[in-house]
Amino acid sequence: MQGSLLFTAGRPNDPGITAGVDEAGRGCLAGPVVAGAVILPASFDLPGLTDSKACTAKQRDTLAPRIRACAVSWGLGIVWPRRIDAINILQATFEAMGLAIRHLRTTPALLLIDGDKTVPEAVLARLWSQGHAGSPPHQRAIIQGDATEPAISAASILAKTCRDRLMTSLDKRWPGYGFAVHKGYGTREHYEALRRLGPCPQHRLTFRGVREEKPAAARQGSLL
């Protein structure tokens, strides 16, 4: 499956609102990259809302349902390892963001994207046209926006909690790698499991540490 999503119903379009967008799992060796998009109301009560990385797992699990309940609209985009390997992780991250944005039921006037890059216009326009009429929203990239913009913080928490649940489920399908513990990141235990078991279908085969590296002498010989 190339991409999948979850979303809630929104309210009639408000031309003055913004959506926060963030991702989870970009740097992992295994599992999907997941992006969230969230439109928060003008007034909301979400104590403790901040960057997902600054929250404990318990805090994220408490905040996630509250975010979904109070959000004007929210969406999640999921891109799986084979697609990541096919188009590279940066493009897969943009695609996941585009999927999440596409499934917002309320059209924002502006997208606030965490980081230093916005979603390429061609990617966003292609995915937006599959669910909406007209041009996609304008975008602004905000470095460390997940710590300064509440809507981006909310998106980061929804993306992270969704991905963590997926990795816990994948741990049951492919036991032995510790997915439920490290969530696909490159921990010592994960690398040891890769050496022992080899990669499974949920590993990103183009990532260093997953693919088998040729010895330096063999690499030099192949260039002769």
C-alpha atoms as a PDB file:
ATOM      1  CA  MET A   1       0.000   0.000   0.000  1.00  0.00           C
ATOM      2  CA  GLN A   2       1.510   3.308  -1.086  1.00  0.00           C
ATOM      3  CA  GLY A   3      -0.190   5.613   1.376  1.00  0.00           C
ATOM      4  CA  SER A   4      -3.083   5.588   3.787  1.00  0.00           C
ATOM      5  CA  LEU A   5      -4.823   8.035   6.060  1.00  0.00           C
ATOM      6  CA  LEU A   6      -7.205   8.749   8.860  1.00  0.00           C
ATOM      7  CA  PHE A   7      -9.320  11.868   9.181  1.00  0.00           C
ATOM      8  CA  THR A   8     -12.234  13.511  10.909  1.00  0.00           C
ATOM      9  CA  ALA A   9     -15.035  15.549   9.447  1.00  0.00           C
ATOM     10  CA  GLY A  10     -14.498  19.293   9.579  1.00  0.00           C
ATOM     11  CA  ARG A  11     -16.796  22.284   9.351  1.00  0.00           C
ATOM     12  CA  PRO A  12     -17.582  24.576   6.391  1.00  0.00           C
ATOM     13  CA  ASN A  13     -14.463  26.184   4.954  1.00  0.00           C
ATOM     14  CA  ASP A  14     -13.105  29.195   6.810  1.00  0.00           C
ATOM     15  CA  PRO A  15     -10.828  31.286   4.564  1.00  0.00           C
ATOM     16  CA  GLY A  16      -8.855  32.720   7.474  1.00  0.00           C
ATOM     17  CA  ILE A  17      -7.586  29.630   9.268  1.00  0.00           C
ATOM     18  CA  THR A  18      -4.243  27.821   9.286  1.00  0.00           C
ATOM     19  CA  ALA A  19      -3.187  24.186   9.526  1.00  0.00           C
ATOM     20  CA  GLY A  20      -0.060  22.883  11.220  1.00  0.00           C
ATOM     21  CA  VAL A  21       1.837  20.056   9.525  1.00  0.00           C
ATOM     22  CA  ASP A  22       4.587  17.799  10.885  1.00  0.00           C
ATOM     23  CA  GLU A  23       6.004  14.295  10.435  1.00  0.00           C
ATOM     24  CA  ALA A  24       7.244  11.387  12.515  1.00  0.00           C
ATOM     25  CA  GLY A  25       9.644   8.609  11.609  1.00  0.00           C
ATOM     26  CA  ARG A  26      11.748  10.276   8.952  1.00  0.00           C
ATOM     27  CA  GLY A  27      15.026   9.072  10.463  1.00  0.00           C
ATOM     28  CA  CYS A  28      13.971   5.485  11.236  1.00  0.00           C
ATOM     29  CA  LEU A  29      15.410   2.348   9.675  1.00  0.00           C
ATOM     30  CA  ALA A  30      12.039   0.609   9.526  1.00  0.00           C
ATOM     31  CA  GLY A  31       8.341   1.335   9.313  1.00  0.00           C
ATOM     32  CA  PRO A  32       6.444   4.129   7.604  1.00  0.00           C
ATOM     33  CA  VAL A  33       6.892   7.870   7.713  1.00  0.00           C
ATOM     34  CA  VAL A  34       3.713   9.452   9.083  1.00  0.00           C
ATOM     35  CA  ALA A  35       2.602  13.075   8.750  1.00  0.00           C
ATOM     36  CA  GLY A  36      -0.129  14.915  10.575  1.00  0.00           C
ATOM     37  CA  ALA A  37      -2.097  18.026   9.644  1.00  0.00           C
ATOM     38  CA  VAL A  38      -4.236  19.804  12.237  1.00  0.00           C
ATOM     39  CA  ILE A  39      -6.499  22.846  12.209  1.00  0.00           C
ATOM     40  CA  LEU A  40      -7.157  24.053  15.742  1.00  0.00           C
ATOM     41  CA  PRO A  41     -10.074  26.320  16.665  1.00  0.00           C
ATOM     42  CA  ALA A  42      -9.457  29.908  17.679  1.00  0.00           C
ATOM     43  CA  SER A  43      -9.967  28.898  21.307  1.00  0.00           C
ATOM     44  CA  PHE A  44      -8.954  25.523  22.738  1.00  0.00           C
ATOM     45  CA  ASP A  45      -7.982  23.916  26.026  1.00  0.00           C
ATOM     46  CA  LEU A  46      -5.031  21.564  25.556  1.00  0.00           C
ATOM     47  CA  PRO A  47      -2.780  21.903  28.615  1.00  0.00           C
ATOM     48  CA  GLY A  48       0.670  20.485  28.022  1.00  0.00           C
ATOM     49  CA  LEU A  49       0.507  20.840  24.237  1.00  0.00           C
ATOM     50  CA  THR A  50       4.037  21.102  22.856  1.00  0.00           C
ATOM     51  CA  ASP A  51       6.460  19.344  20.523  1.00  0.00           C
ATOM     52  CA  SER A  52       5.859  15.596  20.641  1.00  0.00           C
ATOM     53  CA  LYS A  53       9.558  14.980  21.325  1.00  0.00           C
ATOM     54  CA  ALA A  54       9.268  17.002  24.530  1.00  0.00           C
ATOM     55  CA  CYS A  55       6.367  14.857  25.767  1.00  0.00           C
ATOM     56  CA  THR A  56       6.453  11.446  27.370  1.00  0.00           C
ATOM     57  CA  ALA A  57       4.589   8.608  25.674  1.00  0.00           C
ATOM     58  CA  LYS A  58       1.912   8.855  28.368  1.00  0.00           C
ATOM     59  CA  GLN A  59       1.508  12.593  27.791  1.00  0.00           C
ATOM     60  CA  ARG A  60       1.201  12.080  24.027  1.00  0.00           C
ATOM     61  CA  ASP A  61      -1.373   9.336  24.497  1.00  0.00           C
ATOM     62  CA  THR A  62      -3.382  11.656  26.746  1.00  0.00           C
ATOM     63  CA  LEU A  63      -3.163  14.621  24.379  1.00  0.00           C
ATOM     64  CA  ALA A  64      -3.901  12.794  21.105  1.00  0.00           C
ATOM     65  CA  PRO A  65      -7.617  12.069  21.711  1.00  0.00           C
ATOM     66  CA  ARG A  66      -8.104  15.554  23.118  1.00  0.00           C
ATOM     67  CA  ILE A  67      -6.562  17.055  19.972  1.00  0.00           C
ATOM     68  CA  ARG A  68      -8.807  14.968  17.743  1.00  0.00           C
ATOM     69  CA  ALA A  69     -11.857  15.951  19.776  1.00  0.00           C
ATOM     70  CA  CYS A  70     -11.270  19.701  19.700  1.00  0.00           C
ATOM     71  CA  ALA A  71      -9.696  20.100  16.237  1.00  0.00           C
ATOM     72  CA  VAL A  72     -11.661  21.784  13.485  1.00  0.00           C
ATOM     73  CA  SER A  73     -10.186  19.120  11.209  1.00  0.00           C
ATOM     74  CA  TRP A  74      -7.228  16.757  11.201  1.00  0.00           C
ATOM     75  CA  GLY A  75      -5.596  14.281   8.856  1.00  0.00           C
ATOM     76  CA  LEU A  76      -2.816  11.702   8.764  1.00  0.00           C
ATOM     77  CA  GLY A  77      -0.760  10.586   5.787  1.00  0.00           C
ATOM     78  CA  ILE A  78       1.233   7.337   5.833  1.00  0.00           C
ATOM     79  CA  VAL A  79       3.914   6.267   3.351  1.00  0.00           C
ATOM     80  CA  TRP A  80       5.374   2.772   3.667  1.00  0.00           C
ATOM     81  CA  PRO A  81       8.952   1.502   3.260  1.00  0.00           C
ATOM     82  CA  ARG A  82       8.775   0.255  -0.347  1.00  0.00           C
ATOM     83  CA  ARG A  83       7.557   3.673  -1.440  1.00  0.00           C
ATOM     84  CA  ILE A  84      10.249   5.328   0.683  1.00  0.00           C
ATOM     85  CA  ASP A  85      12.890   3.214  -1.048  1.00  0.00           C
ATOM     86  CA  ALA A  86      11.448   4.064  -4.459  1.00  0.00           C
ATOM     87  CA  ILE A  87      11.355   7.859  -4.135  1.00  0.00           C
ATOM     88  CA  ASN A  88      13.737   8.567  -1.163  1.00  0.00           C
ATOM     89  CA  ILE A  89      12.819   9.636   2.354  1.00  0.00           C
ATOM     90  CA  LEU A  90      12.594  13.372   1.672  1.00  0.00           C
ATOM     91  CA  GLN A  91      10.113  12.914  -1.172  1.00  0.00           C
ATOM     92  CA  ALA A  92       8.220  10.314   0.875  1.00  0.00           C
ATOM     93  CA  THR A  93       7.948  12.823   3.737  1.00  0.00           C
ATOM     94  CA  PHE A  94       6.536  15.434   1.358  1.00  0.00           C
ATOM     95  CA  GLU A  95       4.079  12.832   0.041  1.00  0.00           C
ATOM     96  CA  ALA A  96       2.948  11.911   3.560  1.00  0.00           C
ATOM     97  CA  MET A  97       2.417  15.595   4.338  1.00  0.00           C
ATOM     98  CA  GLY A  98       0.475  16.045   1.116  1.00  0.00           C
ATOM     99  CA  LEU A  99      -1.745  13.089   1.976  1.00  0.00           C
ATOM    100  CA  ALA A 100      -2.459  14.478   5.439  1.00  0.00           C
ATOM    101  CA  ILE A 101      -3.273  17.922   4.018  1.00  0.00           C
ATOM    102  CA  ARG A 102      -5.416  16.436   1.267  1.00  0.00           C
ATOM    103  CA  HIS A 103      -7.744  14.845   3.801  1.00  0.00           C
ATOM    104  CA  LEU A 104      -8.468  17.950   5.806  1.00  0.00           C
ATOM    105  CA  ARG A 105     -12.194  18.501   5.474  1.00  0.00           C
ATOM    106  CA  THR A 106     -11.788  22.235   6.083  1.00  0.00           C
ATOM    107  CA  THR A 107      -9.644  24.190   3.634  1.00  0.00           C
ATOM    108  CA  PRO A 108      -7.037  26.329   5.410  1.00  0.00           C
ATOM    109  CA  ALA A 109      -5.729  29.569   3.969  1.00  0.00           C
ATOM    110  CA  LEU A 110      -2.183  28.769   5.112  1.00  0.00           C
ATOM    111  CA  LEU A 111      -0.151  25.668   5.899  1.00  0.00           C
ATOM    112  CA  LEU A 112       2.513  25.963   8.604  1.00  0.00           C
ATOM    113  CA  ILE A 113       5.126  23.305   7.848  1.00  0.00           C
ATOM    114  CA  ASP A 114       7.620  22.287  10.520  1.00  0.00           C
ATOM    115  CA  GLY A 115      11.223  22.609   9.363  1.00  0.00           C
ATOM    116  CA  ASP A 116      13.006  24.569   6.667  1.00  0.00           C
ATOM    117  CA  LYS A 117      11.181  23.214   3.599  1.00  0.00           C
ATOM    118  CA  THR A 118       7.645  23.430   2.306  1.00  0.00           C
ATOM    119  CA  VAL A 119       5.952  20.665   0.319  1.00  0.00           C
ATOM    120  CA  PRO A 120       6.892  21.006  -3.370  1.00  0.00           C
ATOM    121  CA  GLU A 121       4.073  22.703  -5.245  1.00  0.00           C
ATOM    122  CA  ALA A 122       3.776  19.865  -7.785  1.00  0.00           C
ATOM    123  CA  VAL A 123       3.378  17.260  -5.022  1.00  0.00           C
ATOM    124  CA  LEU A 124       0.887  19.310  -3.036  1.00  0.00           C
ATOM    125  CA  ALA A 125      -1.150  20.287  -6.106  1.00  0.00           C
ATOM    126  CA  ARG A 126      -1.372  16.669  -7.292  1.00  0.00           C
ATOM    127  CA  LEU A 127      -2.613  15.334  -3.977  1.00  0.00           C
ATOM    128  CA  TRP A 128      -4.807  18.339  -3.212  1.00  0.00           C
ATOM    129  CA  SER A 129      -6.658  17.978  -6.516  1.00  0.00           C
ATOM    130  CA  GLN A 130      -7.668  14.435  -5.571  1.00  0.00           C
ATOM    131  CA  GLY A 131      -9.840  15.680  -2.731  1.00  0.00           C
ATOM    132  CA  HIS A 132     -10.453  19.391  -3.238  1.00  0.00           C
ATOM    133  CA  ALA A 133     -11.386  21.891  -5.898  1.00  0.00           C
ATOM    134  CA  GLY A 134      -9.265  24.958  -6.564  1.00  0.00           C
ATOM    135  CA  SER A 135      -5.656  25.697  -5.737  1.00  0.00           C
ATOM    136  CA  PRO A 136      -3.959  24.283  -2.631  1.00  0.00           C
ATOM    137  CA  PRO A 137      -3.287  26.564   0.352  1.00  0.00           C
ATOM    138  CA  HIS A 138      -0.214  28.763   0.640  1.00  0.00           C
ATOM    139  CA  GLN A 139       2.646  27.422   2.749  1.00  0.00           C
ATOM    140  CA  ARG A 140       5.206  28.693   5.222  1.00  0.00           C
ATOM    141  CA  ALA A 141       8.108  26.690   6.660  1.00  0.00           C
ATOM    142  CA  ILE A 142       8.889  27.308  10.335  1.00  0.00           C
ATOM    143  CA  ILE A 143      12.083  25.957  11.847  1.00  0.00           C
ATOM    144  CA  GLN A 144      11.303  24.375  15.236  1.00  0.00           C
ATOM    145  CA  GLY A 145       7.672  25.178  14.594  1.00  0.00           C
ATOM    146  CA  ASP A 146       6.672  22.093  16.562  1.00  0.00           C
ATOM    147  CA  ALA A 147       7.775  23.943  19.701  1.00  0.00           C
ATOM    148  CA  THR A 148       6.304  27.362  18.847  1.00  0.00           C
ATOM    149  CA  GLU A 149       3.115  26.817  16.830  1.00  0.00           C
ATOM    150  CA  PRO A 150       0.302  24.955  18.630  1.00  0.00           C
ATOM    151  CA  ALA A 151      -1.189  23.547  15.415  1.00  0.00           C
ATOM    152  CA  ILE A 152       2.203  22.095  14.423  1.00  0.00           C
ATOM    153  CA  SER A 153       2.656  20.694  17.939  1.00  0.00           C
ATOM    154  CA  ALA A 154      -0.749  19.033  17.642  1.00  0.00           C
ATOM    155  CA  ALA A 155       0.155  17.608  14.231  1.00  0.00           C
ATOM    156  CA  SER A 156       3.420  16.228  15.586  1.00  0.00           C
ATOM    157  CA  ILE A 157       1.618  14.471  18.439  1.00  0.00           C
ATOM    158  CA  LEU A 158      -0.986  12.879  16.158  1.00  0.00           C
ATOM    159  CA  ALA A 159       1.714  11.722  13.751  1.00  0.00           C
ATOM    160  CA  LYS A 160       3.899  10.317  16.531  1.00  0.00           C
ATOM    161  CA  THR A 161       1.134   8.472  18.384  1.00  0.00           C
ATOM    162  CA  CYS A 162      -0.205   6.994  15.151  1.00  0.00           C
ATOM    163  CA  ARG A 163       3.235   5.797  14.120  1.00  0.00           C
ATOM    164  CA  ASP A 164       4.000   4.352  17.554  1.00  0.00           C
ATOM    165  CA  ARG A 165       0.797   2.300  17.417  1.00  0.00           C
ATOM    166  CA  LEU A 166       1.688   1.039  13.957  1.00  0.00           C
ATOM    167  CA  MET A 167       5.177   0.003  15.077  1.00  0.00           C
ATOM    168  CA  THR A 168       3.753  -1.856  18.075  1.00  0.00           C
ATOM    169  CA  SER A 169       1.445  -3.725  15.718  1.00  0.00           C
ATOM    170  CA  LEU A 170       4.298  -4.451  13.282  1.00  0.00           C
ATOM    171  CA  ASP A 171       6.294  -5.905  16.167  1.00  0.00           C
ATOM    172  CA  LYS A 172       3.710  -8.688  16.422  1.00  0.00           C
ATOM    173  CA  ARG A 173       3.930  -9.403  12.694  1.00  0.00           C
ATOM    174  CA  TRP A 174       7.732  -9.326  12.578  1.00  0.00           C
ATOM    175  CA  PRO A 175       8.982 -10.251  16.075  1.00  0.00           C
ATOM    176  CA  GLY A 176      12.596 -10.191  17.088  1.00  0.00           C
ATOM    177  CA  TYR A 177      13.534  -6.690  15.963  1.00  0.00           C
ATOM    178  CA  GLY A 178      12.104  -4.817  18.937  1.00  0.00           C
ATOM    179  CA  PHE A 179       9.853  -2.506  16.902  1.00  0.00           C
ATOM    180  CA  ALA A 180       7.517  -1.990  19.861  1.00  0.00           C
ATOM    181  CA  VAL A 181      10.425  -0.692  21.942  1.00  0.00           C
ATOM    182  CA  HIS A 182      12.585   1.426  19.615  1.00  0.00           C
ATOM    183  CA  LYS A 183       9.850   2.143  17.024  1.00  0.00           C
ATOM    184  CA  GLY A 184      12.231   1.481  14.134  1.00  0.00           C
ATOM    185  CA  TYR A 185      15.013   3.868  15.123  1.00  0.00           C
ATOM    186  CA  GLY A 186      18.653   2.863  14.847  1.00  0.00           C
ATOM    187  CA  THR A 187      19.348   1.688  18.388  1.00  0.00           C
ATOM    188  CA  ARG A 188      22.089  -0.760  19.269  1.00  0.00           C
ATOM    189  CA  GLU A 189      19.501  -3.475  19.817  1.00  0.00           C
ATOM    190  CA  HIS A 190      17.983  -2.802  16.404  1.00  0.00           C
ATOM    191  CA  TYR A 191      21.337  -3.030  14.640  1.00  0.00           C
ATOM    192  CA  GLU A 192      22.114  -6.254  16.487  1.00  0.00           C
ATOM    193  CA  ALA A 193      18.763  -7.714  15.383  1.00  0.00           C
ATOM    194  CA  LEU A 194      19.476  -6.702  11.790  1.00  0.00           C
ATOM    195  CA  ARG A 195      22.831  -8.485  11.889  1.00  0.00           C
ATOM    196  CA  ARG A 196      21.191 -11.567  13.381  1.00  0.00           C
ATOM    197  CA  LEU A 197      17.971 -11.732  11.349  1.00  0.00           C
ATOM    198  CA  GLY A 198      18.570  -9.589   8.289  1.00  0.00           C
ATOM    199  CA  PRO A 199      15.978  -7.021   7.174  1.00  0.00           C
ATOM    200  CA  CYS A 200      12.239  -7.728   7.072  1.00  0.00           C
ATOM    201  CA  PRO A 201       9.707  -6.221   4.617  1.00  0.00           C
ATOM    202  CA  GLN A 202       9.245  -3.249   6.936  1.00  0.00           C
ATOM    203  CA  HIS A 203      12.883  -2.164   6.686  1.00  0.00           C
ATOM    204  CA  ARG A 204      14.001   0.656   4.425  1.00  0.00           C
ATOM    205  CA  LEU A 205      16.507  -1.153   2.268  1.00  0.00           C
ATOM    206  CA  THR A 206      18.113   2.013   0.906  1.00  0.00           C
ATOM    207  CA  PHE A 207      19.080   3.238   4.377  1.00  0.00           C
ATOM    208  CA  ARG A 208      22.636   2.931   5.643  1.00  0.00           C
ATOM    209  CA  GLY A 209      22.714   0.325   8.378  1.00  0.00           C
ATOM    210  CA  VAL A 210      19.969  -1.721   6.722  1.00  0.00           C
ATOM    211  CA  ARG A 211      21.576  -2.391   3.374  1.00  0.00           C
ATOM    212  CA  GLU A 212      24.687  -4.546   3.420  1.00  0.00           C
ATOM    213  CA  GLU A 213      27.753  -2.381   2.940  1.00  0.00           C
ATOM    214  CA  LYS A 214      30.482  -3.713   0.664  1.00  0.00           C
ATOM    215  CA  PRO A 215      34.009  -3.781   2.124  1.00  0.00           C
ATOM    216  CA  ALA A 216      36.139  -0.816   1.033  1.00  0.00           C
ATOM    217  CA  ALA A 217      38.398  -3.044  -1.096  1.00  0.00           C
ATOM    218  CA  ALA A 218      35.410  -4.458  -2.965  1.00  0.00           C
ATOM    219  CA  ARG A 219      34.050  -0.968  -3.624  1.00  0.00           C
ATOM    220  CA  GLN A 220      37.395   0.184  -5.003  1.00  0.00           C
ATOM    221  CA  GLY A 221      37.693  -2.911  -7.178  1.00  0.00           C
ATOM    222  CA  SER A 222      34.288  -2.275  -8.730  1.00  0.00           C
ATOM    223  CA  LEU A 223      35.546   1.074 -10.005  1.00  0.00           C
ATOM    224  CA  LEU A 224      38.561  -0.385 -11.823  1.00  0.00           C
END
